[in-house]
């Protein structure tokens, strides 16, 4: 989940896919998944306030297998689809092998990263 700040409504959460390289993270904006409009609220939010958070988690009936990681992000800007991001996305998500479906990329720098694991529960 990507969390951004809406100046009026507060926190705005949206599920996303992403790839990481070094201290940078990219989230694609694509034409594969349906959207309610051409201009996404997350982009407006990020342009107004570049702070964001990404939460990745794993759930399981076995609580020792639970984990989550949260990264604090700073929005750098929107990019045209380009290497090496396209290759990284295609290798992680087969849906992006057709690169023409990626309209743009949201680039972030990664700040602090925190996490938790349920293996401490056993």
PDB file of N, CA and C in Angstrom:
ATOM      1  N   UNK A   1       0.841  -1.183   0.000  1.00  0.00           N
ATOM      2  CA  UNK A   1       0.000   0.000   0.000  1.00  0.00           C
ATOM      3  C   UNK A   1       0.883   1.241   0.000  1.00  0.00           C
ATOM      4  N   UNK A   2       0.540   2.158  -0.882  1.00  0.00           N
ATOM      5  CA  UNK A   2       1.208   3.452  -0.900  1.00  0.00           C
ATOM      6  C   UNK A   2       0.330   4.443  -0.157  1.00  0.00           C
ATOM      7  N   UNK A   3       0.914   5.126   0.800  1.00  0.00           N
ATOM      8  CA  UNK A   3       0.210   6.163   1.537  1.00  0.00           C
ATOM      9  C   UNK A   3       0.763   7.520   1.158  1.00  0.00           C
ATOM     10  N   UNK A   4      -0.123   8.413   0.735  1.00  0.00           N
ATOM     11  CA  UNK A   4       0.262   9.793   0.449  1.00  0.00           C
ATOM     12  C   UNK A   4      -0.643  10.702   1.276  1.00  0.00           C
ATOM     13  N   UNK A   5      -0.357  12.010   1.246  1.00  0.00           N
ATOM     14  CA  UNK A   5      -1.085  12.960   2.074  1.00  0.00           C
ATOM     15  C   UNK A   5      -1.990  13.815   1.195  1.00  0.00           C
ATOM     16  N   UNK A   6      -3.284  13.736   1.451  1.00  0.00           N
ATOM     17  CA  UNK A   6      -4.257  14.606   0.787  1.00  0.00           C
ATOM     18  C   UNK A   6      -4.482  15.784   1.723  1.00  0.00           C
ATOM     19  N   UNK A   7      -4.259  16.994   1.227  1.00  0.00           N
ATOM     20  CA  UNK A   7      -4.341  18.190   2.068  1.00  0.00           C
ATOM     21  C   UNK A   7      -5.686  18.410   2.722  1.00  0.00           C
ATOM     22  N   UNK A   8      -6.758  17.861   2.162  1.00  0.00           N
ATOM     23  CA  UNK A   8      -8.093  18.046   2.708  1.00  0.00           C
ATOM     24  C   UNK A   8      -8.570  16.788   3.424  1.00  0.00           C
ATOM     25  N   UNK A   9      -8.367  15.638   2.804  1.00  0.00           N
ATOM     26  CA  UNK A   9      -8.945  14.394   3.318  1.00  0.00           C
ATOM     27  C   UNK A   9      -8.011  13.615   4.248  1.00  0.00           C
ATOM     28  N   UNK A  10      -6.748  13.968   4.316  1.00  0.00           N
ATOM     29  CA  UNK A  10      -5.807  13.246   5.172  1.00  0.00           C
ATOM     30  C   UNK A  10      -5.067  12.172   4.395  1.00  0.00           C
ATOM     31  N   UNK A  11      -4.836  11.057   5.034  1.00  0.00           N
ATOM     32  CA  UNK A  11      -4.059   9.979   4.431  1.00  0.00           C
ATOM     33  C   UNK A  11      -4.854   9.324   3.310  1.00  0.00           C
ATOM     34  N   UNK A  12      -4.171   9.091   2.188  1.00  0.00           N
ATOM     35  CA  UNK A  12      -4.771   8.422   1.029  1.00  0.00           C
ATOM     36  C   UNK A  12      -3.969   7.155   0.769  1.00  0.00           C
ATOM     37  N   UNK A  13      -4.629   5.994   0.842  1.00  0.00           N
ATOM     38  CA  UNK A  13      -3.967   4.709   0.642  1.00  0.00           C
ATOM     39  C   UNK A  13      -4.435   4.074  -0.657  1.00  0.00           C
ATOM     40  N   UNK A  14      -3.497   3.452  -1.364  1.00  0.00           N
ATOM     41  CA  UNK A  14      -3.829   2.764  -2.596  1.00  0.00           C
ATOM     42  C   UNK A  14      -2.870   1.584  -2.772  1.00  0.00           C
ATOM     43  N   UNK A  15      -3.383   0.413  -3.189  1.00  0.00           N
ATOM     44  CA  UNK A  15      -2.479  -0.703  -3.452  1.00  0.00           C
ATOM     45  C   UNK A  15      -1.656  -0.421  -4.705  1.00  0.00           C
ATOM     46  N   UNK A  16      -0.387  -0.784  -4.667  1.00  0.00           N
ATOM     47  CA  UNK A  16       0.512  -0.545  -5.799  1.00  0.00           C
ATOM     48  C   UNK A  16       1.459  -1.731  -5.961  1.00  0.00           C
ATOM     49  N   UNK A  17       2.090  -1.779  -7.127  1.00  0.00           N
ATOM     50  CA  UNK A  17       3.229  -2.659  -7.350  1.00  0.00           C
ATOM     51  C   UNK A  17       4.452  -1.753  -7.465  1.00  0.00           C
ATOM     52  N   UNK A  18       5.643  -2.328  -7.260  1.00  0.00           N
ATOM     53  CA  UNK A  18       6.843  -1.495  -7.219  1.00  0.00           C
ATOM     54  C   UNK A  18       8.071  -2.342  -7.489  1.00  0.00           C
ATOM     55  N   UNK A  19       9.166  -1.663  -7.813  1.00  0.00           N
ATOM     56  CA  UNK A  19      10.489  -2.278  -7.859  1.00  0.00           C
ATOM     57  C   UNK A  19      11.471  -1.323  -7.206  1.00  0.00           C
ATOM     58  N   UNK A  20      12.568  -1.909  -6.708  1.00  0.00           N
ATOM     59  CA  UNK A  20      13.586  -1.157  -5.985  1.00  0.00           C
ATOM     60  C   UNK A  20      14.933  -1.379  -6.648  1.00  0.00           C
ATOM     61  N   UNK A  21      15.717  -0.316  -6.714  1.00  0.00           N
ATOM     62  CA  UNK A  21      17.111  -0.403  -7.146  1.00  0.00           C
ATOM     63  C   UNK A  21      17.910   0.561  -6.286  1.00  0.00           C
ATOM     64  N   UNK A  22      18.805   0.010  -5.466  1.00  0.00           N
ATOM     65  CA  UNK A  22      19.578   0.850  -4.545  1.00  0.00           C
ATOM     66  C   UNK A  22      18.656   1.558  -3.577  1.00  0.00           C
ATOM     67  N   UNK A  23      18.776   2.885  -3.508  1.00  0.00           N
ATOM     68  CA  UNK A  23      17.911   3.648  -2.609  1.00  0.00           C
ATOM     69  C   UNK A  23      16.768   4.332  -3.356  1.00  0.00           C
ATOM     70  N   UNK A  24      16.443   3.802  -4.546  1.00  0.00           N
ATOM     71  CA  UNK A  24      15.332   4.341  -5.328  1.00  0.00           C
ATOM     72  C   UNK A  24      14.247   3.282  -5.511  1.00  0.00           C
ATOM     73  N   UNK A  25      13.026   3.755  -5.616  1.00  0.00           N
ATOM     74  CA  UNK A  25      11.868   2.896  -5.780  1.00  0.00           C
ATOM     75  C   UNK A  25      10.992   3.499  -6.866  1.00  0.00           C
ATOM     76  N   UNK A  26      10.436   2.640  -7.721  1.00  0.00           N
ATOM     77  CA  UNK A  26       9.559   3.096  -8.791  1.00  0.00           C
ATOM     78  C   UNK A  26       8.226   2.374  -8.701  1.00  0.00           C
ATOM     79  N   UNK A  27       7.161   3.136  -8.896  1.00  0.00           N
ATOM     80  CA  UNK A  27       5.798   2.616  -8.991  1.00  0.00           C
ATOM     81  C   UNK A  27       5.293   2.957 -10.383  1.00  0.00           C
ATOM     82  N   UNK A  28       4.866   1.940 -11.158  1.00  0.00           N
ATOM     83  CA  UNK A  28       4.375   2.240 -12.504  1.00  0.00           C
ATOM     84  C   UNK A  28       2.935   2.757 -12.486  1.00  0.00           C
ATOM     85  N   UNK A  29       2.642   3.627 -13.429  1.00  0.00           N
ATOM     86  CA  UNK A  29       1.275   4.018 -13.742  1.00  0.00           C
ATOM     87  C   UNK A  29       1.011   3.392 -15.106  1.00  0.00           C
ATOM     88  N   UNK A  30      -0.003   2.543 -15.177  1.00  0.00           N
ATOM     89  CA  UNK A  30      -0.184   1.751 -16.393  1.00  0.00           C
ATOM     90  C   UNK A  30      -1.609   1.844 -16.928  1.00  0.00           C
ATOM     91  N   UNK A  31      -1.797   1.238 -18.094  1.00  0.00           N
ATOM     92  CA  UNK A  31      -3.119   1.171 -18.698  1.00  0.00           C
ATOM     93  C   UNK A  31      -3.727  -0.221 -18.547  1.00  0.00           C
ATOM     94  N   UNK A  32      -3.099  -1.089 -17.734  1.00  0.00           N
ATOM     95  CA  UNK A  32      -3.576  -2.457 -17.555  1.00  0.00           C
ATOM     96  C   UNK A  32      -4.741  -2.497 -16.567  1.00  0.00           C
ATOM     97  N   UNK A  33      -4.529  -1.904 -15.403  1.00  0.00           N
ATOM     98  CA  UNK A  33      -5.546  -1.929 -14.353  1.00  0.00           C
ATOM     99  C   UNK A  33      -6.516  -0.761 -14.558  1.00  0.00           C
ATOM    100  N   UNK A  34      -7.827  -0.996 -14.385  1.00  0.00           N
ATOM    101  CA  UNK A  34      -8.802   0.084 -14.586  1.00  0.00           C
ATOM    102  C   UNK A  34      -8.624   1.208 -13.575  1.00  0.00           C
ATOM    103  N   UNK A  35      -8.870   2.420 -14.037  1.00  0.00           N
ATOM    104  CA  UNK A  35      -8.775   3.600 -13.186  1.00  0.00           C
ATOM    105  C   UNK A  35     -10.028   4.440 -13.394  1.00  0.00           C
ATOM    106  N   UNK A  36     -10.348   5.266 -12.408  1.00  0.00           N
ATOM    107  CA  UNK A  36     -11.574   6.066 -12.501  1.00  0.00           C
ATOM    108  C   UNK A  36     -11.398   7.323 -13.335  1.00  0.00           C
ATOM    109  N   UNK A  37     -10.167   7.716 -13.631  1.00  0.00           N
ATOM    110  CA  UNK A  37      -9.941   8.914 -14.430  1.00  0.00           C
ATOM    111  C   UNK A  37      -8.525   8.968 -14.926  1.00  0.00           C
ATOM    112  N   UNK A  38      -8.226  10.003 -15.700  1.00  0.00           N
ATOM    113  CA  UNK A  38      -6.881  10.153 -16.257  1.00  0.00           C
ATOM    114  C   UNK A  38      -5.890  10.702 -15.246  1.00  0.00           C
ATOM    115  N   UNK A  39      -6.356  11.495 -14.317  1.00  0.00           N
ATOM    116  CA  UNK A  39      -5.474  12.110 -13.322  1.00  0.00           C
ATOM    117  C   UNK A  39      -5.696  11.414 -11.987  1.00  0.00           C
ATOM    118  N   UNK A  40      -4.651  10.770 -11.481  1.00  0.00           N
ATOM    119  CA  UNK A  40      -4.770  10.012 -10.241  1.00  0.00           C
ATOM    120  C   UNK A  40      -4.529  10.902  -9.028  1.00  0.00           C
ATOM    121  N   UNK A  41      -5.349  10.702  -7.989  1.00  0.00           N
ATOM    122  CA  UNK A  41      -5.222  11.506  -6.776  1.00  0.00           C
ATOM    123  C   UNK A  41      -3.839  11.361  -6.156  1.00  0.00           C
ATOM    124  N   UNK A  42      -3.261  10.146  -6.220  1.00  0.00           N
ATOM    125  CA  UNK A  42      -1.935   9.943  -5.606  1.00  0.00           C
ATOM    126  C   UNK A  42      -0.895  10.870  -6.235  1.00  0.00           C
ATOM    127  N   UNK A  43      -1.017  11.129  -7.534  1.00  0.00           N
ATOM    128  CA  UNK A  43      -0.050  12.024  -8.194  1.00  0.00           C
ATOM    129  C   UNK A  43      -0.258  13.455  -7.712  1.00  0.00           C
ATOM    130  N   UNK A  44      -1.506  13.906  -7.668  1.00  0.00           N
ATOM    131  CA  UNK A  44      -1.789  15.253  -7.137  1.00  0.00           C
ATOM    132  C   UNK A  44      -1.268  15.387  -5.715  1.00  0.00           C
ATOM    133  N   UNK A  45      -1.517  14.371  -4.887  1.00  0.00           N
ATOM    134  CA  UNK A  45      -1.056  14.411  -3.497  1.00  0.00           C
ATOM    135  C   UNK A  45       0.459  14.523  -3.428  1.00  0.00           C
ATOM    136  N   UNK A  46       1.154  13.699  -4.209  1.00  0.00           N
ATOM    137  CA  UNK A  46       2.619  13.672  -4.166  1.00  0.00           C
ATOM    138  C   UNK A  46       3.233  14.965  -4.684  1.00  0.00           C
ATOM    139  N   UNK A  47       2.602  15.581  -5.678  1.00  0.00           N
ATOM    140  CA  UNK A  47       3.120  16.854  -6.181  1.00  0.00           C
ATOM    141  C   UNK A  47       2.923  17.978  -5.163  1.00  0.00           C
ATOM    142  N   UNK A  48       1.880  17.883  -4.353  1.00  0.00           N
ATOM    143  CA  UNK A  48       1.637  18.891  -3.321  1.00  0.00           C
ATOM    144  C   UNK A  48       2.486  18.648  -2.075  1.00  0.00           C
ATOM    145  N   UNK A  49       2.714  17.386  -1.730  1.00  0.00           N
ATOM    146  CA  UNK A  49       3.488  17.014  -0.540  1.00  0.00           C
ATOM    147  C   UNK A  49       4.193  15.708  -0.880  1.00  0.00           C
ATOM    148  N   UNK A  50       5.497  15.756  -1.066  1.00  0.00           N
ATOM    149  CA  UNK A  50       6.261  14.620  -1.554  1.00  0.00           C
ATOM    150  C   UNK A  50       6.469  13.484  -0.575  1.00  0.00           C
ATOM    151  N   UNK A  51       5.989  13.638   0.654  1.00  0.00           N
ATOM    152  CA  UNK A  51       6.150  12.555   1.632  1.00  0.00           C
ATOM    153  C   UNK A  51       5.179  11.417   1.335  1.00  0.00           C
ATOM    154  N   UNK A  52       5.697  10.187   1.458  1.00  0.00           N
ATOM    155  CA  UNK A  52       4.852   9.008   1.252  1.00  0.00           C
ATOM    156  C   UNK A  52       5.403   7.861   2.076  1.00  0.00           C
ATOM    157  N   UNK A  53       4.585   6.836   2.240  1.00  0.00           N
ATOM    158  CA  UNK A  53       5.008   5.596   2.894  1.00  0.00           C
ATOM    159  C   UNK A  53       4.547   4.429   2.048  1.00  0.00           C
ATOM    160  N   UNK A  54       5.362   3.376   2.053  1.00  0.00           N
ATOM    161  CA  UNK A  54       5.000   2.133   1.392  1.00  0.00           C
ATOM    162  C   UNK A  54       4.981   1.047   2.450  1.00  0.00           C
ATOM    163  N   UNK A  55       3.862   0.325   2.532  1.00  0.00           N
ATOM    164  CA  UNK A  55       3.729  -0.785   3.464  1.00  0.00           C
ATOM    165  C   UNK A  55       3.575  -2.064   2.664  1.00  0.00           C
ATOM    166  N   UNK A  56       4.451  -3.031   2.955  1.00  0.00           N
ATOM    167  CA  UNK A  56       4.392  -4.355   2.336  1.00  0.00           C
ATOM    168  C   UNK A  56       4.239  -5.347   3.476  1.00  0.00           C
ATOM    169  N   UNK A  57       3.276  -6.278   3.333  1.00  0.00           N
ATOM    170  CA  UNK A  57       3.072  -7.236   4.416  1.00  0.00           C
ATOM    171  C   UNK A  57       2.789  -8.625   3.869  1.00  0.00           C
ATOM    172  N   UNK A  58       2.943  -9.588   4.756  1.00  0.00           N
ATOM    173  CA  UNK A  58       2.632 -10.983   4.448  1.00  0.00           C
ATOM    174  C   UNK A  58       1.782 -11.513   5.591  1.00  0.00           C
ATOM    175  N   UNK A  59       0.632 -12.086   5.248  1.00  0.00           N
ATOM    176  CA  UNK A  59      -0.243 -12.661   6.263  1.00  0.00           C
ATOM    177  C   UNK A  59      -0.275 -14.179   6.131  1.00  0.00           C
ATOM    178  N   UNK A  60      -0.622 -14.821   7.221  1.00  0.00           N
ATOM    179  CA  UNK A  60      -0.677 -16.277   7.252  1.00  0.00           C
ATOM    180  C   UNK A  60      -1.483 -16.706   8.469  1.00  0.00           C
ATOM    181  N   UNK A  61      -2.090 -17.877   8.388  1.00  0.00           N
ATOM    182  CA  UNK A  61      -2.753 -18.434   9.574  1.00  0.00           C
ATOM    183  C   UNK A  61      -1.726 -18.792  10.641  1.00  0.00           C
ATOM    184  N   UNK A  62      -0.511 -19.096  10.215  1.00  0.00           N
ATOM    185  CA  UNK A  62       0.601 -19.361  11.137  1.00  0.00           C
ATOM    186  C   UNK A  62       1.239 -18.020  11.481  1.00  0.00           C
ATOM    187  N   UNK A  63       0.977 -17.529  12.658  1.00  0.00           N
ATOM    188  CA  UNK A  63       1.432 -16.195  13.027  1.00  0.00           C
ATOM    189  C   UNK A  63       2.944 -16.050  13.054  1.00  0.00           C
ATOM    190  N   UNK A  64       3.677 -17.136  13.132  1.00  0.00           N
ATOM    191  CA  UNK A  64       5.136 -17.021  13.083  1.00  0.00           C
ATOM    192  C   UNK A  64       5.611 -16.622  11.690  1.00  0.00           C
ATOM    193  N   UNK A  65       4.731 -16.731  10.693  1.00  0.00           N
ATOM    194  CA  UNK A  65       5.091 -16.367   9.320  1.00  0.00           C
ATOM    195  C   UNK A  65       4.691 -14.933   8.960  1.00  0.00           C
ATOM    196  N   UNK A  66       4.050 -14.218   9.876  1.00  0.00           N
ATOM    197  CA  UNK A  66       3.638 -12.839   9.618  1.00  0.00           C
ATOM    198  C   UNK A  66       4.857 -11.929   9.538  1.00  0.00           C
ATOM    199  N   UNK A  67       4.784 -10.918   8.652  1.00  0.00           N
ATOM    200  CA  UNK A  67       5.810  -9.881   8.623  1.00  0.00           C
ATOM    201  C   UNK A  67       5.275  -8.653   7.908  1.00  0.00           C
ATOM    202  N   UNK A  68       5.891  -7.515   8.199  1.00  0.00           N
ATOM    203  CA  UNK A  68       5.620  -6.296   7.456  1.00  0.00           C
ATOM    204  C   UNK A  68       6.876  -5.449   7.392  1.00  0.00           C
ATOM    205  N   UNK A  69       6.961  -4.637   6.348  1.00  0.00           N
ATOM    206  CA  UNK A  69       8.051  -3.677   6.158  1.00  0.00           C
ATOM    207  C   UNK A  69       7.414  -2.361   5.735  1.00  0.00           C
ATOM    208  N   UNK A  70       7.856  -1.273   6.346  1.00  0.00           N
ATOM    209  CA  UNK A  70       7.378   0.062   5.976  1.00  0.00           C
ATOM    210  C   UNK A  70       8.572   0.929   5.603  1.00  0.00           C
ATOM    211  N   UNK A  71       8.477   1.564   4.443  1.00  0.00           N
ATOM    212  CA  UNK A  71       9.527   2.470   3.983  1.00  0.00           C
ATOM    213  C   UNK A  71       8.976   3.881   3.883  1.00  0.00           C
ATOM    214  N   UNK A  72       9.702   4.837   4.432  1.00  0.00           N
ATOM    215  CA  UNK A  72       9.368   6.242   4.247  1.00  0.00           C
ATOM    216  C   UNK A  72       9.988   6.676   2.928  1.00  0.00           C
ATOM    217  N   UNK A  73       9.186   7.316   2.090  1.00  0.00           N
ATOM    218  CA  UNK A  73       9.618   7.697   0.744  1.00  0.00           C
ATOM    219  C   UNK A  73       9.538   9.205   0.556  1.00  0.00           C
ATOM    220  N   UNK A  74      10.344   9.693  -0.383  1.00  0.00           N
ATOM    221  CA  UNK A  74      10.256  11.087  -0.826  1.00  0.00           C
ATOM    222  C   UNK A  74      10.073  11.067  -2.344  1.00  0.00           C
ATOM    223  N   UNK A  75       8.998  11.682  -2.814  1.00  0.00           N
ATOM    224  CA  UNK A  75       8.678  11.704  -4.237  1.00  0.00           C
ATOM    225  C   UNK A  75       9.682  12.580  -4.977  1.00  0.00           C
ATOM    226  N   UNK A  76      10.298  12.019  -6.014  1.00  0.00           N
ATOM    227  CA  UNK A  76      11.244  12.753  -6.853  1.00  0.00           C
ATOM    228  C   UNK A  76      10.520  13.350  -8.046  1.00  0.00           C
ATOM    229  N   UNK A  77       9.646  12.550  -8.685  1.00  0.00           N
ATOM    230  CA  UNK A  77       8.884  13.034  -9.824  1.00  0.00           C
ATOM    231  C   UNK A  77       8.423  11.909 -10.720  1.00  0.00           C
ATOM    232  N   UNK A  78       7.696  12.284 -11.749  1.00  0.00           N
ATOM    233  CA  UNK A  78       7.219  11.323 -12.740  1.00  0.00           C
ATOM    234  C   UNK A  78       8.241  11.211 -13.857  1.00  0.00           C
ATOM    235  N   UNK A  79       8.433   9.979 -14.338  1.00  0.00           N
ATOM    236  CA  UNK A  79       9.392   9.709 -15.406  1.00  0.00           C
ATOM    237  C   UNK A  79       8.693   9.056 -16.581  1.00  0.00           C
ATOM    238  N   UNK A  80       9.250   9.245 -17.756  1.00  0.00           N
ATOM    239  CA  UNK A  80       8.841   8.454 -18.903  1.00  0.00           C
ATOM    240  C   UNK A  80       9.352   7.035 -18.682  1.00  0.00           C
ATOM    241  N   UNK A  81       8.642   6.023 -19.151  1.00  0.00           N
ATOM    242  CA  UNK A  81       9.117   4.643 -19.003  1.00  0.00           C
ATOM    243  C   UNK A  81      10.500   4.482 -19.634  1.00  0.00           C
ATOM    244  N   UNK A  82      11.457   3.936 -18.877  1.00  0.00           N
ATOM    245  CA  UNK A  82      12.833   3.806 -19.351  1.00  0.00           C
ATOM    246  C   UNK A  82      13.541   2.676 -18.635  1.00  0.00           C
ATOM    247  N   UNK A  83      14.611   2.209 -19.250  1.00  0.00           N
ATOM    248  CA  UNK A  83      15.482   1.218 -18.621  1.00  0.00           C
ATOM    249  C   UNK A  83      16.235   1.894 -17.488  1.00  0.00           C
ATOM    250  N   UNK A  84      16.675   1.182 -16.466  1.00  0.00           N
ATOM    251  CA  UNK A  84      16.506  -0.252 -16.223  1.00  0.00           C
ATOM    252  C   UNK A  84      15.177  -0.593 -15.562  1.00  0.00           C
ATOM    253  N   UNK A  85      14.357   0.437 -15.279  1.00  0.00           N
ATOM    254  CA  UNK A  85      13.102   0.208 -14.559  1.00  0.00           C
ATOM    255  C   UNK A  85      12.174  -0.734 -15.312  1.00  0.00           C
ATOM    256  N   UNK A  86      12.095  -0.598 -16.637  1.00  0.00           N
ATOM    257  CA  UNK A  86      11.206  -1.455 -17.417  1.00  0.00           C
ATOM    258  C   UNK A  86      11.595  -2.923 -17.293  1.00  0.00           C
ATOM    259  N   UNK A  87      12.882  -3.206 -17.348  1.00  0.00           N
ATOM    260  CA  UNK A  87      13.344  -4.593 -17.202  1.00  0.00           C
ATOM    261  C   UNK A  87      13.067  -5.126 -15.809  1.00  0.00           C
ATOM    262  N   UNK A  88      13.286  -4.308 -14.793  1.00  0.00           N
ATOM    263  CA  UNK A  88      13.011  -4.736 -13.419  1.00  0.00           C
ATOM    264  C   UNK A  88      11.521  -5.035 -13.223  1.00  0.00           C
ATOM    265  N   UNK A  89      10.673  -4.177 -13.758  1.00  0.00           N
ATOM    266  CA  UNK A  89       9.236  -4.406 -13.645  1.00  0.00           C
ATOM    267  C   UNK A  89       8.821  -5.677 -14.382  1.00  0.00           C
ATOM    268  N   UNK A  90       9.329  -5.875 -15.592  1.00  0.00           N
ATOM    269  CA  UNK A  90       8.970  -7.053 -16.385  1.00  0.00           C
ATOM    270  C   UNK A  90       9.448  -8.343 -15.734  1.00  0.00           C
ATOM    271  N   UNK A  91      10.599  -8.300 -15.052  1.00  0.00           N
ATOM    272  CA  UNK A  91      11.100  -9.518 -14.413  1.00  0.00           C
ATOM    273  C   UNK A  91      10.317  -9.858 -13.141  1.00  0.00           C
ATOM    274  N   UNK A  92       9.773  -8.852 -12.479  1.00  0.00           N
ATOM    275  CA  UNK A  92       9.007  -9.094 -11.248  1.00  0.00           C
ATOM    276  C   UNK A  92       7.529  -9.347 -11.543  1.00  0.00           C
ATOM    277  N   UNK A  93       7.001  -8.679 -12.555  1.00  0.00           N
ATOM    278  CA  UNK A  93       5.583  -8.769 -12.891  1.00  0.00           C
ATOM    279  C   UNK A  93       5.436  -9.116 -14.368  1.00  0.00           C
ATOM    280  N   UNK A  94       5.112 -10.364 -14.706  1.00  0.00           N
ATOM    281  CA  UNK A  94       4.992 -10.768 -16.113  1.00  0.00           C
ATOM    282  C   UNK A  94       4.016  -9.901 -16.917  1.00  0.00           C
ATOM    283  N   UNK A  95       3.038  -9.293 -16.253  1.00  0.00           N
ATOM    284  CA  UNK A  95       2.075  -8.434 -16.948  1.00  0.00           C
ATOM    285  C   UNK A  95       2.762  -7.252 -17.627  1.00  0.00           C
ATOM    286  N   UNK A  96       3.936  -6.880 -17.153  1.00  0.00           N
ATOM    287  CA  UNK A  96       4.639  -5.725 -17.711  1.00  0.00           C
ATOM    288  C   UNK A  96       5.649  -6.107 -18.794  1.00  0.00           C
ATOM    289  N   UNK A  97       5.627  -7.349 -19.243  1.00  0.00           N
ATOM    290  CA  UNK A  97       6.476  -7.708 -20.383  1.00  0.00           C
ATOM    291  C   UNK A  97       6.053  -6.931 -21.621  1.00  0.00           C
ATOM    292  N   UNK A  98       4.762  -6.616 -21.708  1.00  0.00           N
ATOM    293  CA  UNK A  98       4.282  -5.713 -22.753  1.00  0.00           C
ATOM    294  C   UNK A  98       4.498  -4.290 -22.238  1.00  0.00           C
ATOM    295  N   UNK A  99       5.622  -3.728 -22.561  1.00  0.00           N
ATOM    296  CA  UNK A  99       6.039  -2.446 -21.985  1.00  0.00           C
ATOM    297  C   UNK A  99       5.176  -1.275 -22.416  1.00  0.00           C
ATOM    298  N   UNK A 100       4.419  -1.457 -23.485  1.00  0.00           N
ATOM    299  CA  UNK A 100       3.578  -0.354 -23.958  1.00  0.00           C
ATOM    300  C   UNK A 100       2.427  -0.058 -22.996  1.00  0.00           C
ATOM    301  N   UNK A 101       2.189  -0.943 -22.028  1.00  0.00           N
ATOM    302  CA  UNK A 101       1.114  -0.716 -21.060  1.00  0.00           C
ATOM    303  C   UNK A 101       1.534   0.244 -19.937  1.00  0.00           C
ATOM    304  N   UNK A 102       2.823   0.543 -19.834  1.00  0.00           N
ATOM    305  CA  UNK A 102       3.308   1.441 -18.776  1.00  0.00           C
ATOM    306  C   UNK A 102       3.323   2.862 -19.317  1.00  0.00           C
ATOM    307  N   UNK A 103       2.489   3.705 -18.721  1.00  0.00           N
ATOM    308  CA  UNK A 103       2.365   5.095 -19.176  1.00  0.00           C
ATOM    309  C   UNK A 103       3.446   5.998 -18.600  1.00  0.00           C
ATOM    310  N   UNK A 104       3.747   5.810 -17.313  1.00  0.00           N
ATOM    311  CA  UNK A 104       4.773   6.617 -16.653  1.00  0.00           C
ATOM    312  C   UNK A 104       5.239   5.881 -15.401  1.00  0.00           C
ATOM    313  N   UNK A 105       6.267   6.436 -14.774  1.00  0.00           N
ATOM    314  CA  UNK A 105       6.833   5.856 -13.559  1.00  0.00           C
ATOM    315  C   UNK A 105       6.892   6.941 -12.489  1.00  0.00           C
ATOM    316  N   UNK A 106       6.521   6.572 -11.271  1.00  0.00           N
ATOM    317  CA  UNK A 106       6.678   7.487 -10.139  1.00  0.00           C
ATOM    318  C   UNK A 106       7.963   7.103  -9.425  1.00  0.00           C
ATOM    319  N   UNK A 107       8.909   8.035  -9.364  1.00  0.00           N
ATOM    320  CA  UNK A 107      10.222   7.783  -8.767  1.00  0.00           C
ATOM    321  C   UNK A 107      10.279   8.363  -7.363  1.00  0.00           C
ATOM    322  N   UNK A 108      10.790   7.531  -6.439  1.00  0.00           N
ATOM    323  CA  UNK A 108      10.950   7.929  -5.040  1.00  0.00           C
ATOM    324  C   UNK A 108      12.362   7.612  -4.581  1.00  0.00           C
ATOM    325  N   UNK A 109      12.850   8.376  -3.601  1.00  0.00           N
ATOM    326  CA  UNK A 109      14.031   7.952  -2.856  1.00  0.00           C
ATOM    327  C   UNK A 109      13.522   7.331  -1.561  1.00  0.00           C
ATOM    328  N   UNK A 110      14.238   6.311  -1.114  1.00  0.00           N
ATOM    329  CA  UNK A 110      13.847   5.582   0.094  1.00  0.00           C
ATOM    330  C   UNK A 110      14.567   6.198   1.290  1.00  0.00           C
ATOM    331  N   UNK A 111      13.799   6.548   2.295  1.00  0.00           N
ATOM    332  CA  UNK A 111      14.365   7.055   3.543  1.00  0.00           C
ATOM    333  C   UNK A 111      14.511   5.910   4.519  1.00  0.00           C
ATOM    334  N   UNK A 112      13.940   6.063   5.689  1.00  0.00           N
ATOM    335  CA  UNK A 112      14.055   5.012   6.701  1.00  0.00           C
ATOM    336  C   UNK A 112      13.169   3.820   6.345  1.00  0.00           C
ATOM    337  N   UNK A 113      13.606   2.643   6.789  1.00  0.00           N
ATOM    338  CA  UNK A 113      12.868   1.398   6.576  1.00  0.00           C
ATOM    339  C   UNK A 113      12.754   0.700   7.927  1.00  0.00           C
ATOM    340  N   UNK A 114      11.536   0.298   8.271  1.00  0.00           N
ATOM    341  CA  UNK A 114      11.288  -0.414   9.522  1.00  0.00           C
ATOM    342  C   UNK A 114      10.473  -1.658   9.220  1.00  0.00           C
ATOM    343  N   UNK A 115      10.570  -2.635  10.094  1.00  0.00           N
ATOM    344  CA  UNK A 115       9.810  -3.852   9.876  1.00  0.00           C
ATOM    345  C   UNK A 115       9.579  -4.623  11.144  1.00  0.00           C
ATOM    346  N   UNK A 116       8.808  -5.701  10.998  1.00  0.00           N
ATOM    347  CA  UNK A 116       8.462  -6.560  12.111  1.00  0.00           C
ATOM    348  C   UNK A 116       8.228  -7.960  11.553  1.00  0.00           C
ATOM    349  N   UNK A 117       8.521  -8.951  12.336  1.00  0.00           N
ATOM    350  CA  UNK A 117       8.253 -10.325  11.947  1.00  0.00           C
ATOM    351  C   UNK A 117       7.586 -11.067  13.093  1.00  0.00           C
ATOM    352  N   UNK A 118       6.680 -11.963  12.737  1.00  0.00           N
ATOM    353  CA  UNK A 118       5.976 -12.769  13.734  1.00  0.00           C
ATOM    354  C   UNK A 118       6.789 -13.921  14.271  1.00  0.00           C
ATOM    355  N   UNK A 119       7.966 -14.143  13.709  1.00  0.00           N
ATOM    356  CA  UNK A 119       8.782 -15.254  14.213  1.00  0.00           C
ATOM    357  C   UNK A 119       9.174 -15.044  15.675  1.00  0.00           C
ATOM    358  N   UNK A 120       9.066 -13.826  16.144  1.00  0.00           N
ATOM    359  CA  UNK A 120       9.337 -13.559  17.570  1.00  0.00           C
ATOM    360  C   UNK A 120       8.211 -14.074  18.451  1.00  0.00           C
ATOM    361  N   UNK A 121       7.083 -14.486  17.826  1.00  0.00           N
ATOM    362  CA  UNK A 121       5.919 -14.963  18.587  1.00  0.00           C
ATOM    363  C   UNK A 121       6.074 -16.410  19.061  1.00  0.00           C
ATOM    364  N   UNK A 122       7.033 -17.161  18.509  1.00  0.00           N
ATOM    365  CA  UNK A 122       7.104 -18.577  18.874  1.00  0.00           C
ATOM    366  C   UNK A 122       7.920 -18.835  20.114  1.00  0.00           C
TER     367      UNK A 122
END
